[in-house]
Amino acid sequence: MLRIITQRSEAETELKRICDRIYDDQVIHKEATVSEIIQTVRRQGDLALIRYTSEFDGQNITQADLRVTGAELDVAYQQVNSELLKAIETAHARILSFHKLRIPKSWVQFEDKEVVLGKRYSPVDIAGIYVPGGKATYPSTVLMNAVPAVVAGVKKIVMVTPLGKDKTINPAILVAADIAGVDEIYRVGGAQAIAALAYGTETIPAVDVISGPGNIYVTLAKKQVYGKVGIDSLAGPSEVLIIADRTANPVHIAADLLAQAEHDSLAAAVLITTDSRLAQKVSEEVKSQLELHPRRLLTEKAIANYGLVVVVDSLKIAADLSNLFAPEHLELAVDEPWDMLEMIRHAGAIFLGHSTPEAVGDYLAGPNHTLPTSGAARYASPLSVETFMKHSSIIQYSPEALKEVAGAIAALTEAEGLPSHGDSVRLRIEDL
């Protein structure tokens, strides 16, 4: 079931296939559907949200049902057991502590002749957070998206999430949102929710930035509204790549692969190892752990299509293949992970050593679990405080400094055929 390959050229081909797994023939059709949904929400507002909720989620709601009330939050706290509540609070505290370390600071630099240069950071006014829902429950996603926005100083945080049976939202989602500092919660999902956040409706306010993962329709909607609003990333199916040597425990490695595969039938789970015996043991252990797995059918499908074991001659080759794949999650299950870290150029999150499974980062280590996927780690970074901030350049020149650069500016404006640009400097110099 879990394929084992030993040829580097074959490994490169397979890794590229896995990386490109979301680009199927149906994407173009789905893009057209998403475009229609967005335009309909722009025209019809809440009415479109109500209609799409009935059509896609099978739930009949009214305009008054869209926003979650304070009374519903109170009930949610009563439905969450004390152990889960404590876990949410612990995760919140650790995520908050980590992101407080990463607040960008405004700065200025004073140069000769009274020239001042700098950057001024400020938060967006309103942030929109999408949290997958329906059959799934992801309170950790609420925390990972809302906490950085709060730390950034965003004035209003709006959350949308699909409703479940009887118009309900899982109480853990609501409690996590309240603890994290979300101001408004709306029961709507899919591409229509993204459209509502981007353009606003009678009930849902338009936002400046949208963050949070979703299915292909949500991702395509974020892609189409980008420019009207900012987005965190275009998240694809989740993935893990594990580099392991002979010191790794095959039982643990198999569990880590399955922990990724159980997310989604498109999830990818890859092991690259220098030990052929470990490769075989992991393959056998995956099969064994799958036998009684509660999500066996979905997980088996992911493993069959996007599970892979590659045996290589050295950790250097393993690192090269990992950099080619640029994984969302990278585990370095090796004897000296810090030595190997220097070989890694592209990865969303890196987990070092035998006692650091990906699940630690998924829930409460502190660093964000919203990460670049499908090779985007080559150029993109995890969601952070910076996602909800922007900076303005600060420039001040004294008359003396302006006079010194006037000639260079004049030459450039003449070369570009923009005479008024040159005049804006020349006239000031003449008045000195």
Protein backbone atom coordinates (compact mmCIF):
# COMPACT_ATOMS: atom_id res chain seq x y z
CA MET A 1 0.00 0.00 0.00
CA LEU A 2 2.75 2.45 0.97
CA ARG A 3 5.05 2.51 -2.05
CA ILE A 4 8.81 2.28 -1.53
CA ILE A 5 11.09 3.62 -4.26
CA THR A 6 14.87 3.86 -4.43
CA GLN A 7 15.64 5.77 -7.63
CA ARG A 8 16.18 9.51 -7.25
CA SER A 9 14.75 10.34 -10.68
CA GLU A 10 11.59 8.39 -9.88
CA ALA A 11 11.38 10.10 -6.51
CA GLU A 12 11.59 13.54 -8.12
CA THR A 13 8.81 12.62 -10.56
CA GLU A 14 6.58 11.30 -7.78
CA LEU A 15 7.16 14.29 -5.53
CA LYS A 16 6.22 16.65 -8.36
CA ARG A 17 3.06 14.63 -9.03
CA ILE A 18 2.08 14.82 -5.37
CA CYS A 19 2.86 18.53 -5.18
CA ASP A 20 0.60 19.20 -8.19
CA ARG A 21 -2.26 16.97 -7.01
CA ILE A 22 -4.86 19.74 -6.70
CA TYR A 23 -4.56 20.87 -10.32
CA ASP A 24 -7.10 18.55 -11.92
CA ASP A 25 -9.37 19.01 -14.92
CA GLN A 26 -12.24 20.06 -12.68
CA VAL A 27 -10.56 23.21 -11.38
CA ILE A 28 -11.58 25.31 -14.41
CA HIS A 29 -15.20 24.24 -13.99
CA LYS A 30 -15.06 24.99 -10.26
CA GLU A 31 -13.58 28.43 -10.91
CA ALA A 32 -16.56 29.30 -13.08
CA THR A 33 -18.95 28.12 -10.35
CA VAL A 34 -17.11 30.14 -7.72
CA SER A 35 -17.17 33.25 -9.93
CA GLU A 36 -20.94 32.95 -10.29
CA ILE A 37 -21.36 32.56 -6.52
CA ILE A 38 -19.24 35.63 -5.81
CA GLN A 39 -21.11 37.81 -8.29
CA THR A 40 -24.47 36.65 -6.94
CA VAL A 41 -23.47 37.52 -3.36
CA ARG A 42 -22.28 40.94 -4.54
CA ARG A 43 -25.66 41.59 -6.13
CA GLN A 44 -28.03 39.94 -3.67
CA GLY A 45 -26.19 40.08 -0.33
CA ASP A 46 -27.84 38.18 2.52
CA LEU A 47 -30.48 36.76 0.21
CA ALA A 48 -27.78 34.90 -1.73
CA LEU A 49 -26.22 33.59 1.49
CA ILE A 50 -29.58 32.24 2.62
CA ARG A 51 -30.22 30.59 -0.75
CA TYR A 52 -26.76 29.01 -1.00
CA THR A 53 -26.99 27.72 2.58
CA SER A 54 -30.19 25.94 1.63
CA GLU A 55 -28.76 24.66 -1.66
CA PHE A 56 -25.34 23.51 -0.45
CA ASP A 57 -25.83 22.79 3.26
CA GLY A 58 -29.46 21.69 3.28
CA GLN A 59 -30.30 24.18 6.05
CA ASN A 60 -33.07 26.77 5.88
CA ILE A 61 -32.08 29.95 7.65
CA THR A 62 -33.31 33.52 7.84
CA GLN A 63 -31.36 36.76 7.86
CA ALA A 64 -31.70 36.84 11.65
CA ASP A 65 -30.03 33.40 11.88
CA LEU A 66 -26.80 34.51 10.23
CA ARG A 67 -25.13 36.03 13.29
CA VAL A 68 -24.36 33.95 16.37
CA THR A 69 -25.79 35.53 19.52
CA GLY A 70 -24.27 36.03 22.93
CA ALA A 71 -26.78 33.60 24.38
CA GLU A 72 -25.48 30.91 22.02
CA LEU A 73 -21.95 31.54 23.27
CA ASP A 74 -23.14 31.11 26.84
CA VAL A 75 -24.73 27.78 25.96
CA ALA A 76 -21.56 26.68 24.16
CA TYR A 77 -19.51 27.11 27.34
CA GLN A 78 -21.95 24.81 29.15
CA GLN A 79 -21.54 22.15 26.45
CA VAL A 80 -17.72 22.06 26.46
CA ASN A 81 -16.26 19.81 29.13
CA SER A 82 -13.66 21.17 31.55
CA GLU A 83 -10.79 19.17 30.04
CA LEU A 84 -11.38 20.56 26.55
CA LEU A 85 -11.90 24.06 27.91
CA LYS A 86 -8.57 23.89 29.73
CA ALA A 87 -6.85 22.59 26.57
CA ILE A 88 -8.25 25.49 24.52
CA GLU A 89 -7.11 27.97 27.15
CA THR A 90 -3.63 26.39 27.27
CA ALA A 91 -3.30 26.47 23.50
CA HIS A 92 -4.51 30.06 23.43
CA ALA A 93 -1.95 31.15 26.01
CA ARG A 94 0.94 29.51 24.17
CA ILE A 95 -0.08 30.80 20.75
CA LEU A 96 -0.56 34.28 22.18
CA SER A 97 2.84 34.20 23.88
CA PHE A 98 4.61 33.15 20.69
CA HIS A 99 2.98 35.74 18.45
CA LYS A 100 3.65 38.56 20.90
CA LEU A 101 7.33 37.94 20.21
CA ARG A 102 6.82 38.73 16.53
CA ILE A 103 5.12 42.14 16.50
CA PRO A 104 6.80 44.27 13.80
CA LYS A 105 8.18 47.51 15.17
CA SER A 106 8.07 50.85 13.38
CA TRP A 107 11.47 52.45 12.90
CA VAL A 108 13.17 55.55 11.54
CA GLN A 109 16.78 56.19 10.57
CA PHE A 110 18.36 59.65 10.66
CA GLU A 111 20.91 60.21 7.91
CA ASP A 112 23.13 63.10 6.91
CA LYS A 113 21.64 66.50 5.97
CA GLU A 114 18.47 65.86 8.00
CA VAL A 115 17.23 62.98 5.85
CA VAL A 116 14.82 60.70 7.69
CA LEU A 117 13.84 57.27 6.37
CA GLY A 118 11.78 54.55 7.99
CA LYS A 119 8.80 52.24 8.15
CA ARG A 120 5.59 52.64 10.10
CA TYR A 121 3.59 49.48 10.83
CA SER A 122 -0.15 49.52 11.44
CA PRO A 123 -2.90 46.86 11.57
CA VAL A 124 -5.76 46.51 9.13
CA ASP A 125 -9.11 47.75 10.42
CA ILE A 126 -11.15 44.55 10.00
CA ALA A 127 -10.00 40.94 9.59
CA GLY A 128 -12.11 38.06 8.35
CA ILE A 129 -11.43 34.49 9.46
CA TYR A 130 -12.73 31.39 7.72
CA VAL A 131 -12.96 28.24 9.84
CA PRO A 132 -13.96 24.92 8.21
CA GLY A 133 -17.04 23.44 9.79
CA GLY A 134 -20.02 21.25 9.05
CA LYS A 135 -18.85 17.72 9.87
CA ALA A 136 -15.38 18.90 10.97
CA THR A 137 -14.39 20.62 14.22
CA TYR A 138 -11.26 22.77 14.30
CA PRO A 139 -11.03 24.97 17.41
CA SER A 140 -7.26 25.05 16.87
CA THR A 141 -7.81 26.77 13.52
CA VAL A 142 -9.86 29.45 15.26
CA LEU A 143 -7.01 30.16 17.66
CA MET A 144 -4.27 30.06 15.01
CA ASN A 145 -6.07 32.65 12.88
CA ALA A 146 -7.65 34.93 15.47
CA VAL A 147 -4.76 35.27 17.92
CA PRO A 148 -2.27 36.85 15.44
CA ALA A 149 -4.98 39.33 14.40
CA VAL A 150 -5.59 40.28 18.02
CA VAL A 151 -1.86 40.68 18.66
CA ALA A 152 -1.56 42.82 15.51
CA GLY A 153 -4.13 45.21 17.00
CA VAL A 154 -6.97 44.64 14.52
CA LYS A 155 -10.03 46.59 15.69
CA LYS A 156 -12.65 44.08 14.59
CA ILE A 157 -12.35 40.35 13.88
CA VAL A 158 -15.17 38.65 12.01
CA MET A 159 -15.42 34.86 11.74
CA VAL A 160 -17.46 32.78 9.31
CA THR A 161 -17.95 29.03 9.56
CA PRO A 162 -20.41 26.56 8.00
CA LEU A 163 -23.34 25.53 10.12
CA GLY A 164 -24.08 21.94 11.11
CA LYS A 165 -27.33 20.18 11.85
CA ASP A 166 -30.20 22.30 13.18
CA LYS A 167 -28.32 25.49 12.28
CA THR A 168 -25.76 24.82 15.00
CA ILE A 169 -22.02 25.44 15.20
CA ASN A 170 -19.86 23.09 17.24
CA PRO A 171 -19.58 24.56 20.76
CA ALA A 172 -15.78 24.11 20.83
CA ILE A 173 -15.54 26.40 17.80
CA LEU A 174 -17.64 29.06 19.52
CA VAL A 175 -15.74 28.84 22.80
CA ALA A 176 -12.38 29.06 21.03
CA ALA A 177 -13.59 32.12 19.11
CA ASP A 178 -14.73 33.83 22.29
CA ILE A 179 -11.48 33.08 24.13
CA ALA A 180 -9.39 34.22 21.15
CA GLY A 181 -11.17 37.58 20.91
CA VAL A 182 -13.39 37.20 17.83
CA ASP A 183 -15.94 40.01 17.77
CA GLU A 184 -18.60 38.66 15.40
CA ILE A 185 -19.43 35.10 14.29
CA TYR A 186 -21.58 34.20 11.29
CA ARG A 187 -22.96 30.80 10.32
CA VAL A 188 -22.15 30.67 6.64
CA GLY A 189 -19.48 28.74 4.74
CA GLY A 190 -18.14 28.02 1.29
CA ALA A 191 -17.29 30.43 -1.50
CA GLN A 192 -20.34 32.50 -0.55
CA ALA A 193 -18.82 33.23 2.88
CA ILE A 194 -15.60 34.45 1.28
CA ALA A 195 -17.60 36.68 -1.06
CA ALA A 196 -19.51 38.12 1.90
CA LEU A 197 -16.28 38.95 3.72
CA ALA A 198 -14.76 40.54 0.63
CA TYR A 199 -17.71 42.68 -0.46
CA GLY A 200 -19.97 42.82 2.57
CA THR A 201 -23.70 42.17 2.83
CA GLU A 202 -26.52 43.76 4.80
CA THR A 203 -25.42 41.72 7.82
CA ILE A 204 -21.76 40.78 7.35
CA PRO A 205 -19.22 43.64 7.16
CA ALA A 206 -16.59 43.82 4.42
CA VAL A 207 -13.09 43.12 5.72
CA ASP A 208 -9.55 44.05 4.73
CA VAL A 209 -7.85 40.65 5.05
CA ILE A 210 -9.21 37.10 4.88
CA SER A 211 -7.37 34.20 6.47
CA GLY A 212 -8.10 30.55 7.15
CA PRO A 213 -8.18 27.28 5.20
CA GLY A 214 -11.09 25.65 3.39
CA ASN A 215 -12.01 23.32 0.57
CA ILE A 216 -11.22 23.94 -3.09
CA TYR A 217 -14.23 26.26 -3.47
CA VAL A 218 -13.08 28.39 -0.54
CA THR A 219 -9.53 28.48 -1.90
CA LEU A 220 -10.67 29.50 -5.39
CA ALA A 221 -12.92 32.16 -3.90
CA LYS A 222 -9.98 33.63 -1.95
CA LYS A 223 -7.99 33.62 -5.17
CA GLN A 224 -10.72 35.51 -7.02
CA VAL A 225 -11.31 38.19 -4.35
CA TYR A 226 -7.60 38.85 -3.84
CA GLY A 227 -6.94 42.44 -4.74
CA LYS A 228 -10.24 43.59 -3.31
CA VAL A 229 -8.95 42.22 -0.02
CA GLY A 230 -5.71 40.72 1.19
CA ILE A 231 -5.48 36.99 1.86
CA ASP A 232 -3.14 34.86 3.92
CA SER A 233 -2.48 32.19 1.27
CA LEU A 234 -4.11 29.77 -1.16
CA ALA A 235 -4.06 26.68 1.04
CA GLY A 236 -4.11 23.32 -0.68
CA PRO A 237 -4.43 19.84 0.84
CA SER A 238 -2.19 19.26 3.83
CA GLU A 239 1.12 17.40 3.67
CA VAL A 240 4.01 16.11 5.74
CA LEU A 241 7.49 15.04 4.70
CA ILE A 242 9.58 13.14 7.22
CA ILE A 243 13.35 12.70 6.91
CA ALA A 244 14.47 9.78 9.09
CA ASP A 245 17.66 7.89 9.75
CA ARG A 246 18.26 4.55 11.49
CA THR A 247 17.67 6.12 14.92
CA ALA A 248 13.98 6.74 14.16
CA ASN A 249 11.22 4.57 15.64
CA PRO A 250 9.14 3.02 12.82
CA VAL A 251 6.02 2.92 15.01
CA HIS A 252 6.25 6.65 15.63
CA ILE A 253 7.00 7.47 12.00
CA ALA A 254 4.01 5.44 10.82
CA ALA A 255 1.76 7.25 13.28
CA ASP A 256 3.05 10.62 12.03
CA LEU A 257 2.34 9.67 8.41
CA LEU A 258 -1.18 8.55 9.29
CA ALA A 259 -1.74 11.69 11.36
CA GLN A 260 -1.37 13.61 8.13
CA ALA A 261 -3.24 11.19 5.89
CA GLU A 262 -6.33 11.17 8.14
CA HIS A 263 -6.99 14.84 7.35
CA ASP A 264 -8.24 14.38 3.82
CA SER A 265 -8.18 11.94 0.92
CA LEU A 266 -5.86 14.43 -0.84
CA ALA A 267 -3.44 14.70 2.09
CA ALA A 268 0.15 13.70 1.34
CA ALA A 269 2.43 11.68 3.65
CA VAL A 270 6.04 11.19 2.52
CA LEU A 271 8.99 9.52 4.23
CA ILE A 272 12.55 9.90 2.98
CA THR A 273 15.03 7.68 4.79
CA THR A 274 18.61 6.48 4.58
CA ASP A 275 17.66 3.13 6.15
CA SER A 276 16.00 0.52 3.93
CA ARG A 277 15.04 -1.58 6.96
CA LEU A 278 13.25 1.39 8.51
CA ALA A 279 11.41 1.94 5.22
CA GLN A 280 10.07 -1.62 5.24
CA LYS A 281 9.12 -1.52 8.94
CA VAL A 282 7.28 1.78 8.51
CA SER A 283 5.32 0.38 5.56
CA GLU A 284 4.30 -2.64 7.61
CA GLU A 285 3.43 -0.50 10.62
CA VAL A 286 1.24 1.82 8.54
CA LYS A 287 -0.73 -1.19 7.37
CA SER A 288 -1.06 -2.44 10.94
CA GLN A 289 -2.19 0.89 12.41
CA LEU A 290 -4.74 1.32 9.64
CA GLU A 291 -6.61 -1.87 10.51
CA LEU A 292 -8.66 -0.35 13.32
CA HIS A 293 -8.39 3.29 12.26
CA PRO A 294 -11.69 5.19 12.78
CA ARG A 295 -11.15 7.07 9.50
CA ARG A 296 -9.77 4.09 7.63
CA LEU A 297 -11.36 4.53 4.19
CA LEU A 298 -10.35 8.17 3.84
CA THR A 299 -6.88 7.60 5.29
CA GLU A 300 -6.23 4.54 3.13
CA LYS A 301 -7.14 6.52 0.04
CA ALA A 302 -4.67 9.26 0.92
CA ILE A 303 -1.91 6.74 1.64
CA ALA A 304 -2.60 4.81 -1.56
CA ASN A 305 -2.56 7.88 -3.79
CA TYR A 306 -0.23 10.30 -2.03
CA GLY A 307 1.75 8.20 0.42
CA LEU A 308 5.38 7.51 -0.45
CA VAL A 309 8.61 6.14 1.00
CA VAL A 310 11.90 7.05 -0.66
CA VAL A 311 15.16 5.31 0.27
CA VAL A 312 18.25 7.42 -0.39
CA ASP A 313 21.99 7.09 0.13
CA SER A 314 22.53 10.17 2.28
CA LEU A 315 20.80 12.84 4.32
CA LYS A 316 22.11 15.38 1.82
CA ILE A 317 20.05 13.74 -0.93
CA ALA A 318 17.09 13.60 1.45
CA ALA A 319 17.42 17.34 2.05
CA ASP A 320 17.67 18.02 -1.69
CA LEU A 321 14.44 16.10 -2.34
CA SER A 322 12.73 17.87 0.54
CA ASN A 323 13.75 21.27 -0.82
CA LEU A 324 12.37 20.24 -4.20
CA PHE A 325 9.03 19.37 -2.58
CA ALA A 326 9.04 22.37 -0.18
CA PRO A 327 6.71 20.67 2.31
CA GLU A 328 4.11 22.31 4.49
CA HIS A 329 5.33 20.25 7.47
CA LEU A 330 8.85 18.81 7.69
CA GLU A 331 9.94 16.42 10.44
CA LEU A 332 13.66 15.84 10.94
CA ALA A 333 13.55 12.49 12.75
CA VAL A 334 17.32 12.09 12.74
CA ASP A 335 20.08 11.75 15.31
CA GLU A 336 21.43 15.29 14.82
CA PRO A 337 18.50 17.42 13.57
CA TRP A 338 20.20 20.77 14.19
CA ASP A 339 23.09 19.77 11.94
CA MET A 340 20.63 18.86 9.22
CA LEU A 341 18.64 22.06 9.63
CA GLU A 342 21.34 23.94 7.74
CA MET A 343 20.56 21.87 4.63
CA ILE A 344 16.87 22.88 4.61
CA ARG A 345 15.84 25.88 2.52
CA HIS A 346 12.12 25.44 1.99
CA ALA A 347 9.53 24.30 4.56
CA GLY A 348 6.47 25.79 6.23
CA ALA A 349 7.23 24.41 9.70
CA ILE A 350 10.20 22.28 10.77
CA PHE A 351 9.93 19.79 13.63
CA LEU A 352 13.27 18.73 15.07
CA GLY A 353 14.11 15.44 16.75
CA HIS A 354 12.33 12.26 17.77
CA SER A 355 10.07 13.87 20.40
CA THR A 356 8.53 16.56 18.21
CA PRO A 357 5.65 15.15 16.15
CA GLU A 358 3.75 17.50 13.89
CA ALA A 359 0.74 17.34 16.23
CA VAL A 360 2.64 19.49 18.76
CA GLY A 361 2.74 22.32 16.25
CA ASP A 362 -0.79 21.70 15.05
CA TYR A 363 -2.27 22.42 18.45
CA LEU A 364 -0.32 24.33 21.06
CA ALA A 365 3.43 24.76 20.63
CA GLY A 366 2.78 28.38 19.66
CA PRO A 367 4.00 28.85 16.05
CA ASN A 368 1.14 29.00 13.58
CA HIS A 369 -0.22 25.89 11.90
CA THR A 370 -1.62 27.81 8.92
CA LEU A 371 1.24 27.11 6.53
CA PRO A 372 2.12 27.30 2.81
CA THR A 373 1.22 24.12 0.90
CA SER A 374 1.76 22.58 -2.53
CA GLY A 375 5.31 23.89 -2.87
CA ALA A 376 4.46 27.45 -1.81
CA ALA A 377 7.03 27.24 1.00
CA ARG A 378 9.56 28.14 -1.70
CA TYR A 379 8.35 31.75 -1.43
CA ALA A 380 5.72 31.97 1.30
CA SER A 381 5.69 31.88 5.11
CA PRO A 382 3.32 30.77 7.90
CA LEU A 383 0.40 32.96 8.91
CA SER A 384 1.61 35.51 11.46
CA VAL A 385 1.01 38.90 13.00
CA GLU A 386 2.37 40.43 9.78
CA THR A 387 -0.57 38.88 7.87
CA PHE A 388 -2.83 41.43 9.55
CA MET A 389 -0.49 44.40 9.30
CA LYS A 390 0.97 46.58 6.59
CA HIS A 391 3.69 49.19 6.62
CA SER A 392 4.04 52.67 5.22
CA SER A 393 7.37 54.09 4.12
CA ILE A 394 8.48 57.27 5.89
CA ILE A 395 10.59 59.81 3.95
CA GLN A 396 11.67 63.32 4.89
CA TYR A 397 14.28 65.47 3.05
CA SER A 398 15.71 68.81 4.11
CA PRO A 399 16.22 71.58 1.49
CA GLU A 400 19.95 70.88 1.51
CA ALA A 401 19.42 67.15 0.95
CA LEU A 402 16.93 67.78 -1.86
CA LYS A 403 19.38 70.12 -3.61
CA GLU A 404 22.08 67.44 -3.46
CA VAL A 405 19.98 64.85 -5.32
CA ALA A 406 18.17 67.24 -7.67
CA GLY A 407 20.51 66.55 -10.59
CA ALA A 408 20.12 62.79 -10.38
CA ILE A 409 16.35 63.08 -10.17
CA ALA A 410 16.29 65.43 -13.17
CA ALA A 411 18.28 62.96 -15.25
CA LEU A 412 15.96 60.11 -14.37
CA THR A 413 12.76 62.08 -14.99
CA GLU A 414 14.06 63.17 -18.38
CA ALA A 415 14.95 59.60 -19.29
CA GLU A 416 11.46 58.46 -18.36
CA GLY A 417 9.69 61.35 -20.10
CA LEU A 418 8.01 62.69 -16.96
CA PRO A 419 8.78 66.43 -16.94
CA SER A 420 6.47 67.40 -14.07
CA HIS A 421 8.33 65.02 -11.83
CA GLY A 422 11.47 66.96 -12.59
CA ASP A 423 9.70 70.29 -12.16
CA SER A 424 8.46 69.32 -8.71
CA VAL A 425 12.10 69.19 -7.60
CA ARG A 426 13.51 72.02 -9.79
CA LEU A 427 10.94 74.61 -8.67
CA ARG A 428 11.73 73.93 -5.02
CA ILE A 429 15.45 74.29 -5.64
CA GLU A 430 14.90 77.61 -7.45
CA ASP A 431 12.93 78.94 -4.46
CA LEU A 432 15.72 78.20 -2.02
